[in-house]
Amino acid sequence: MFQDKEMVNDYLAGLNASLTGYANKIAQTNSLELRQTLIQMRNQDESRQRTVYSYALQKGYYKPAAPASQEVITQLKTQLMSEQK
């Protein structure tokens, strides 16, 4: 039988996979109505994901990676900005 930690982590993994799926579907849909519906569904899942993530973090079920240094953040921003041009 699943313990609380396993259920939370499983649900969190499912939400994360769902968000990836929405991104792909939104990018590929031609129907504006379907696109808006998918965006709303994605936004709801993002909200759920954040709630479950916060719960897992509070309970100690999830340990995030160490925060990036300001130098790494600046480098990544620069790289992403140059790729958009």
N, C-alpha and C. Protein backbone atom coordinates (compact mmCIF):
# COMPACT_ATOMS: atom_id res chain seq x y z
N MET A 1 0.84 -1.18 0.00
CA MET A 1 0.00 0.00 0.00
C MET A 1 0.89 1.25 0.00
N PHE A 2 0.47 2.24 -0.76
CA PHE A 2 1.24 3.47 -0.87
C PHE A 2 1.24 4.25 0.44
N GLN A 3 2.37 4.83 0.73
CA GLN A 3 2.49 5.75 1.85
C GLN A 3 2.26 7.16 1.31
N ASP A 4 2.04 8.10 2.21
CA ASP A 4 1.77 9.49 1.82
C ASP A 4 2.87 10.03 0.91
N LYS A 5 4.12 9.80 1.25
CA LYS A 5 5.24 10.31 0.46
C LYS A 5 5.20 9.77 -0.96
N GLU A 6 4.94 8.49 -1.12
CA GLU A 6 4.90 7.88 -2.45
C GLU A 6 3.75 8.43 -3.27
N MET A 7 2.59 8.61 -2.64
CA MET A 7 1.43 9.15 -3.36
C MET A 7 1.70 10.59 -3.81
N VAL A 8 2.26 11.39 -2.94
CA VAL A 8 2.55 12.78 -3.27
C VAL A 8 3.56 12.85 -4.41
N ASN A 9 4.64 12.10 -4.31
CA ASN A 9 5.66 12.11 -5.35
C ASN A 9 5.13 11.57 -6.68
N ASP A 10 4.28 10.56 -6.63
CA ASP A 10 3.68 10.02 -7.85
C ASP A 10 2.76 11.05 -8.50
N TYR A 11 1.94 11.71 -7.70
CA TYR A 11 1.03 12.73 -8.22
C TYR A 11 1.82 13.91 -8.80
N LEU A 12 2.88 14.30 -8.12
CA LEU A 12 3.73 15.39 -8.58
C LEU A 12 4.38 15.03 -9.93
N ALA A 13 4.87 13.82 -10.04
CA ALA A 13 5.47 13.37 -11.30
C ALA A 13 4.44 13.37 -12.42
N GLY A 14 3.22 12.95 -12.12
CA GLY A 14 2.15 12.95 -13.12
C GLY A 14 1.80 14.36 -13.57
N LEU A 15 1.73 15.29 -12.64
CA LEU A 15 1.45 16.68 -12.98
C LEU A 15 2.57 17.27 -13.85
N ASN A 16 3.81 16.97 -13.50
CA ASN A 16 4.94 17.46 -14.28
C ASN A 16 4.89 16.92 -15.72
N ALA A 17 4.57 15.65 -15.87
CA ALA A 17 4.45 15.06 -17.20
C ALA A 17 3.29 15.70 -17.97
N SER A 18 2.21 15.95 -17.27
CA SER A 18 1.04 16.59 -17.88
C SER A 18 1.39 17.97 -18.42
N LEU A 19 2.15 18.73 -17.65
CA LEU A 19 2.54 20.08 -18.07
C LEU A 19 3.39 20.03 -19.34
N THR A 20 4.27 19.07 -19.43
CA THR A 20 5.08 18.90 -20.64
C THR A 20 4.18 18.57 -21.83
N GLY A 21 3.23 17.72 -21.61
CA GLY A 21 2.29 17.36 -22.67
C GLY A 21 1.48 18.55 -23.16
N TYR A 22 1.02 19.36 -22.22
CA TYR A 22 0.25 20.55 -22.61
C TYR A 22 1.10 21.48 -23.48
N ALA A 23 2.35 21.68 -23.12
CA ALA A 23 3.23 22.57 -23.89
C ALA A 23 3.31 22.11 -25.34
N ASN A 24 3.47 20.82 -25.54
CA ASN A 24 3.55 20.28 -26.90
C ASN A 24 2.24 20.45 -27.65
N LYS A 25 1.15 20.15 -27.00
CA LYS A 25 -0.16 20.24 -27.66
C LYS A 25 -0.53 21.69 -27.98
N ILE A 26 -0.26 22.60 -27.06
CA ILE A 26 -0.56 24.01 -27.28
C ILE A 26 0.23 24.53 -28.47
N ALA A 27 1.49 24.16 -28.56
CA ALA A 27 2.34 24.64 -29.65
C ALA A 27 1.89 24.11 -31.01
N GLN A 28 1.22 22.96 -31.03
CA GLN A 28 0.89 22.31 -32.29
C GLN A 28 -0.56 22.47 -32.72
N THR A 29 -1.42 23.00 -31.87
CA THR A 29 -2.82 23.09 -32.24
C THR A 29 -3.08 24.27 -33.17
N ASN A 30 -4.00 24.08 -34.07
CA ASN A 30 -4.37 25.12 -35.04
C ASN A 30 -5.64 25.83 -34.62
N SER A 31 -6.43 25.20 -33.79
CA SER A 31 -7.71 25.75 -33.36
C SER A 31 -7.51 26.71 -32.18
N LEU A 32 -7.94 27.96 -32.36
CA LEU A 32 -7.80 28.95 -31.30
C LEU A 32 -8.61 28.53 -30.06
N GLU A 33 -9.81 28.00 -30.27
CA GLU A 33 -10.65 27.57 -29.15
C GLU A 33 -9.99 26.43 -28.37
N LEU A 34 -9.47 25.45 -29.09
CA LEU A 34 -8.79 24.33 -28.44
C LEU A 34 -7.54 24.83 -27.72
N ARG A 35 -6.82 25.74 -28.35
CA ARG A 35 -5.61 26.30 -27.73
C ARG A 35 -5.95 26.97 -26.41
N GLN A 36 -7.00 27.77 -26.38
CA GLN A 36 -7.40 28.46 -25.15
C GLN A 36 -7.82 27.46 -24.07
N THR A 37 -8.52 26.41 -24.47
CA THR A 37 -8.94 25.38 -23.52
C THR A 37 -7.72 24.68 -22.93
N LEU A 38 -6.76 24.33 -23.78
CA LEU A 38 -5.54 23.67 -23.30
C LEU A 38 -4.74 24.59 -22.38
N ILE A 39 -4.69 25.87 -22.70
CA ILE A 39 -3.98 26.83 -21.84
C ILE A 39 -4.64 26.90 -20.47
N GLN A 40 -5.98 26.92 -20.45
CA GLN A 40 -6.69 26.95 -19.16
C GLN A 40 -6.41 25.69 -18.36
N MET A 41 -6.43 24.54 -19.04
CA MET A 41 -6.16 23.27 -18.36
C MET A 41 -4.72 23.24 -17.84
N ARG A 42 -3.78 23.74 -18.64
CA ARG A 42 -2.39 23.80 -18.21
C ARG A 42 -2.23 24.70 -16.99
N ASN A 43 -2.90 25.85 -17.02
CA ASN A 43 -2.81 26.77 -15.89
C ASN A 43 -3.34 26.14 -14.61
N GLN A 44 -4.42 25.37 -14.73
CA GLN A 44 -4.98 24.68 -13.56
C GLN A 44 -3.98 23.64 -13.03
N ASP A 45 -3.36 22.90 -13.95
CA ASP A 45 -2.37 21.91 -13.53
C ASP A 45 -1.13 22.58 -12.93
N GLU A 46 -0.74 23.73 -13.46
CA GLU A 46 0.40 24.45 -12.88
C GLU A 46 0.09 24.86 -11.45
N SER A 47 -1.13 25.30 -11.22
CA SER A 47 -1.53 25.69 -9.87
C SER A 47 -1.53 24.47 -8.94
N ARG A 48 -2.08 23.36 -9.42
CA ARG A 48 -2.07 22.12 -8.63
C ARG A 48 -0.64 21.66 -8.37
N GLN A 49 0.21 21.74 -9.39
CA GLN A 49 1.59 21.32 -9.25
C GLN A 49 2.28 22.13 -8.17
N ARG A 50 2.04 23.42 -8.16
CA ARG A 50 2.68 24.29 -7.16
C ARG A 50 2.19 23.95 -5.75
N THR A 51 0.91 23.67 -5.62
CA THR A 51 0.34 23.30 -4.32
C THR A 51 0.95 21.99 -3.82
N VAL A 52 1.00 20.99 -4.70
CA VAL A 52 1.55 19.69 -4.31
C VAL A 52 3.05 19.82 -4.04
N TYR A 53 3.76 20.59 -4.86
CA TYR A 53 5.18 20.82 -4.64
C TYR A 53 5.42 21.45 -3.27
N SER A 54 4.64 22.47 -2.93
CA SER A 54 4.80 23.14 -1.63
C SER A 54 4.54 22.17 -0.48
N TYR A 55 3.52 21.33 -0.64
CA TYR A 55 3.20 20.33 0.38
C TYR A 55 4.36 19.35 0.54
N ALA A 56 4.88 18.85 -0.59
CA ALA A 56 5.99 17.89 -0.55
C ALA A 56 7.23 18.51 0.07
N LEU A 57 7.48 19.75 -0.26
CA LEU A 57 8.63 20.46 0.30
C LEU A 57 8.48 20.63 1.82
N GLN A 58 7.28 21.03 2.24
CA GLN A 58 7.00 21.24 3.66
C GLN A 58 7.15 19.94 4.46
N LYS A 59 6.71 18.84 3.88
CA LYS A 59 6.77 17.54 4.56
C LYS A 59 8.16 16.89 4.48
N GLY A 60 9.05 17.47 3.67
CA GLY A 60 10.37 16.88 3.51
C GLY A 60 10.38 15.74 2.51
N TYR A 61 9.35 15.62 1.69
CA TYR A 61 9.27 14.56 0.69
C TYR A 61 10.08 14.91 -0.56
N TYR A 62 10.39 16.17 -0.70
CA TYR A 62 11.09 16.63 -1.90
C TYR A 62 12.22 17.56 -1.48
N LYS A 63 13.38 17.33 -2.03
CA LYS A 63 14.53 18.17 -1.75
C LYS A 63 14.96 18.83 -3.06
N PRO A 64 14.75 20.13 -3.19
CA PRO A 64 15.13 20.80 -4.44
C PRO A 64 16.65 20.90 -4.58
N ALA A 65 17.08 21.10 -5.79
CA ALA A 65 18.51 21.30 -6.04
C ALA A 65 18.95 22.59 -5.35
N ALA A 66 20.24 22.69 -5.11
CA ALA A 66 20.79 23.90 -4.50
C ALA A 66 20.51 25.09 -5.42
N PRO A 67 20.26 26.25 -4.85
CA PRO A 67 20.00 27.43 -5.68
C PRO A 67 21.21 27.77 -6.56
N ALA A 68 20.91 28.25 -7.76
CA ALA A 68 21.97 28.65 -8.68
C ALA A 68 22.59 29.97 -8.20
N SER A 69 23.86 30.13 -8.48
CA SER A 69 24.53 31.38 -8.14
C SER A 69 24.05 32.48 -9.07
N GLN A 70 24.24 33.71 -8.66
CA GLN A 70 23.83 34.84 -9.49
C GLN A 70 24.58 34.83 -10.82
N GLU A 71 25.83 34.37 -10.80
CA GLU A 71 26.62 34.28 -12.03
C GLU A 71 25.99 33.30 -13.03
N VAL A 72 25.58 32.14 -12.54
CA VAL A 72 24.95 31.14 -13.40
C VAL A 72 23.63 31.68 -13.95
N ILE A 73 22.85 32.34 -13.12
CA ILE A 73 21.57 32.91 -13.55
C ILE A 73 21.81 33.94 -14.66
N THR A 74 22.78 34.81 -14.47
CA THR A 74 23.09 35.84 -15.46
C THR A 74 23.55 35.20 -16.77
N GLN A 75 24.38 34.18 -16.69
CA GLN A 75 24.85 33.50 -17.90
C GLN A 75 23.69 32.86 -18.65
N LEU A 76 22.79 32.22 -17.93
CA LEU A 76 21.65 31.57 -18.55
C LEU A 76 20.72 32.60 -19.21
N LYS A 77 20.46 33.70 -18.52
CA LYS A 77 19.64 34.76 -19.09
C LYS A 77 20.25 35.30 -20.38
N THR A 78 21.55 35.53 -20.35
CA THR A 78 22.26 36.03 -21.54
C THR A 78 22.14 35.04 -22.69
N GLN A 79 22.34 33.78 -22.38
CA GLN A 79 22.26 32.74 -23.41
C GLN A 79 20.86 32.67 -24.00
N LEU A 80 19.85 32.68 -23.17
CA LEU A 80 18.47 32.58 -23.64
C LEU A 80 18.09 33.81 -24.47
N MET A 81 18.53 34.98 -24.05
CA MET A 81 18.22 36.21 -24.78
C MET A 81 18.87 36.18 -26.17
N SER A 82 20.11 35.68 -26.25
CA SER A 82 20.80 35.65 -27.53
C SER A 82 20.16 34.61 -28.46
N GLU A 83 19.61 33.55 -27.92
CA GLU A 83 18.95 32.53 -28.73
C GLU A 83 17.62 33.01 -29.29
N GLN A 84 17.00 33.99 -28.65
CA GLN A 84 15.71 34.51 -29.12
C GLN A 84 15.87 35.44 -30.31
N LYS A 85 17.05 35.92 -30.54
CA LYS A 85 17.28 36.88 -31.64
C LYS A 85 17.39 36.21 -32.96
